[in-house]
Amino acid sequence: MLKNYFKITWRNLTRHRSYAIINILGLAIGIAACLLILQYVYYELSYDQFHTKKDRVYRVIQDRYDNGKLSTQWAAGAFAAGRNFKDAFPEIEDYVSMTGRGASVIKEGERIIKLERTYFASESFFRLFSYPLVQGDPQTALKELNSAVISESSA
């Protein structure tokens, strides 16, 4: 019986070639688009899932409007926004202020090291985010002025 179904399907496909090609192409494009969308959604939902406090971490974004229309949107804002939000809302437990620096040059003895991407972060960084440290204590890592944390690949 299954063999008979395949015969009928093959006859209809060969008899109505243009209609069959349009249907098969439409189905293939639809499946490909669905898979790409699913892959994108999976990636977006899996981003930074290793943090232990991921359900309580939020990012403050800043929107700029020109003539009533949204012109720019970015994840940046005034440096004092975190402290002011914490003072205004008792639900906020802690905040981290971060500033991108770009490239930095570090001198250690006679060695000069250039790091491409550096950031300044407040001392509460490791209280909110669960980045693993190879060496050192996350509670005291950024307490002192001019202290630094570097990745294993930079080390």
Protein backbone atom coordinates (compact mmCIF):
# COMPACT_ATOMS: atom_id res chain seq x y z
CA MET A 1 0.00 0.00 0.00
CA LEU A 2 2.85 2.38 0.82
CA LYS A 3 4.40 1.56 -2.56
CA ASN A 4 1.15 2.64 -4.24
CA TYR A 5 1.23 6.01 -2.44
CA PHE A 6 4.76 6.68 -3.68
CA LYS A 7 3.71 5.83 -7.26
CA ILE A 8 0.79 8.24 -7.11
CA THR A 9 2.97 10.96 -5.60
CA TRP A 10 5.64 10.49 -8.27
CA ARG A 11 3.05 10.64 -11.07
CA ASN A 12 1.56 13.86 -9.68
CA LEU A 13 5.00 15.45 -9.28
CA THR A 14 6.00 14.62 -12.85
CA ARG A 15 2.64 15.65 -14.30
CA HIS A 16 2.57 19.06 -12.51
CA ARG A 17 6.27 19.96 -12.47
CA SER A 18 6.05 23.74 -12.03
CA TYR A 19 3.45 23.44 -9.27
CA ALA A 20 5.57 20.78 -7.51
CA ILE A 21 8.76 22.86 -7.78
CA ILE A 22 7.01 25.91 -6.29
CA ASN A 23 5.62 23.85 -3.41
CA ILE A 24 8.92 22.08 -2.66
CA LEU A 25 10.92 25.32 -2.84
CA GLY A 26 8.42 27.06 -0.57
CA LEU A 27 8.60 24.23 1.93
CA ALA A 28 12.43 24.20 1.87
CA ILE A 29 12.67 27.98 2.36
CA GLY A 30 10.12 27.85 5.17
CA ILE A 31 11.98 25.06 6.98
CA ALA A 32 15.32 26.88 6.53
CA ALA A 33 13.88 30.15 7.88
CA CYS A 34 12.33 28.33 10.83
CA LEU A 35 15.65 26.65 11.68
CA LEU A 36 17.53 29.95 11.46
CA ILE A 37 15.01 31.69 13.71
CA LEU A 38 15.14 28.83 16.22
CA GLN A 39 18.94 28.95 16.24
CA TYR A 40 18.91 32.72 16.82
CA VAL A 41 16.39 32.45 19.66
CA TYR A 42 18.37 29.61 21.26
CA TYR A 43 21.54 31.70 21.11
CA GLU A 44 19.86 34.76 22.62
CA LEU A 45 18.32 32.74 25.45
CA SER A 46 21.56 30.90 26.24
CA TYR A 47 23.70 34.02 26.55
CA ASP A 48 25.35 34.43 30.00
CA GLN A 49 23.40 31.54 31.53
CA PHE A 50 26.31 30.49 33.76
CA HIS A 51 25.79 33.36 36.21
CA THR A 52 24.28 32.18 39.49
CA LYS A 53 22.20 35.36 39.87
CA LYS A 54 21.08 35.53 36.24
CA ASP A 55 17.41 35.89 37.17
CA ARG A 56 18.16 39.02 39.23
CA VAL A 57 20.59 40.82 36.90
CA TYR A 58 19.25 43.59 34.69
CA ARG A 59 20.91 45.93 32.23
CA VAL A 60 20.06 49.62 32.09
CA ILE A 61 19.77 50.92 28.56
CA GLN A 62 19.53 54.48 27.38
CA ASP A 63 17.20 55.65 24.61
CA ARG A 64 17.66 58.91 22.74
CA TYR A 65 14.68 60.47 21.01
CA ASP A 66 14.83 63.10 18.27
CA ASN A 67 11.53 64.81 17.37
CA GLY A 68 9.55 62.13 19.19
CA LYS A 69 11.20 59.20 17.36
CA LEU A 70 13.68 56.74 18.80
CA SER A 71 17.00 57.58 17.16
CA THR A 72 19.61 55.79 19.28
CA GLN A 73 19.51 52.97 21.79
CA TRP A 74 22.56 51.68 23.66
CA ALA A 75 23.55 49.97 26.89
CA ALA A 76 25.16 52.99 28.46
CA GLY A 77 24.15 55.83 30.64
CA ALA A 78 25.26 58.32 33.18
CA PHE A 79 27.91 56.99 35.56
CA ALA A 80 25.91 57.90 38.67
CA ALA A 81 22.72 56.19 37.48
CA GLY A 82 23.40 52.98 39.42
CA ARG A 83 23.90 54.75 42.74
CA ASN A 84 20.83 56.94 42.20
CA PHE A 85 18.66 53.96 41.24
CA LYS A 86 19.82 52.07 44.33
CA ASP A 87 18.98 55.05 46.54
CA ALA A 88 15.56 55.52 44.91
CA PHE A 89 14.46 51.87 44.78
CA PRO A 90 14.94 49.68 47.87
CA GLU A 91 14.45 46.53 45.75
CA ILE A 92 17.84 47.04 44.09
CA GLU A 93 20.41 44.97 45.99
CA ASP A 94 23.59 46.13 44.25
CA TYR A 95 24.86 47.62 41.01
CA VAL A 96 27.97 47.58 38.84
CA SER A 97 29.29 50.55 36.93
CA MET A 98 31.44 49.67 33.94
CA THR A 99 33.28 51.87 31.49
CA GLY A 100 34.95 50.63 28.33
CA ARG A 101 38.47 51.89 27.90
CA GLY A 102 39.58 50.36 24.63
CA ALA A 103 43.28 49.53 24.39
CA SER A 104 45.54 49.94 27.44
CA VAL A 105 49.26 49.68 27.96
CA ILE A 106 50.49 48.09 31.19
CA LYS A 107 54.06 48.16 32.40
CA GLU A 108 55.29 45.42 34.72
CA GLY A 109 58.96 45.86 35.53
CA GLU A 110 60.67 45.96 32.15
CA ARG A 111 57.80 44.30 30.28
CA ILE A 112 55.27 46.43 28.43
CA ILE A 113 51.97 44.74 27.63
CA LYS A 114 49.23 46.09 25.35
CA LEU A 115 45.71 44.84 26.03
CA GLU A 116 43.15 45.46 23.28
CA ARG A 117 39.91 45.59 25.28
CA THR A 118 39.92 46.86 28.86
CA TYR A 119 37.10 47.94 31.15
CA PHE A 120 36.88 49.79 34.42
CA ALA A 121 34.42 48.15 36.82
CA SER A 122 33.25 48.90 40.33
CA GLU A 123 34.19 46.58 43.19
CA SER A 124 30.78 44.87 43.20
CA PHE A 125 31.43 43.26 39.80
CA PHE A 126 32.20 39.80 41.21
CA ARG A 127 29.31 39.99 43.68
CA LEU A 128 26.85 40.20 40.77
CA PHE A 129 28.56 38.19 38.04
CA SER A 130 29.91 34.65 38.36
CA TYR A 131 33.02 34.83 36.23
CA PRO A 132 35.44 32.14 37.41
CA LEU A 133 38.80 33.24 38.76
CA VAL A 134 41.82 31.00 38.29
CA GLN A 135 43.60 32.65 41.18
CA GLY A 136 42.52 35.10 43.87
CA ASP A 137 39.41 35.88 45.87
CA PRO A 138 36.42 37.39 44.06
CA GLN A 139 35.39 39.29 47.20
CA THR A 140 38.65 41.24 47.36
CA ALA A 141 39.61 41.30 43.66
CA LEU A 142 38.63 44.91 42.89
CA LYS A 143 38.60 46.48 46.36
CA GLU A 144 41.87 48.38 46.17
CA LEU A 145 42.52 51.32 43.89
CA ASN A 146 44.48 50.44 40.71
CA SER A 147 43.81 46.71 41.13
CA ALA A 148 43.19 44.61 38.02
CA VAL A 149 41.76 41.29 36.93
CA ILE A 150 42.95 39.77 33.67
CA SER A 151 41.68 36.83 31.68
CA GLU A 152 43.60 33.58 31.49
CA SER A 153 44.42 34.15 27.81
CA SER A 154 45.89 37.60 28.57
CA ALA A 155 47.89 36.20 31.46
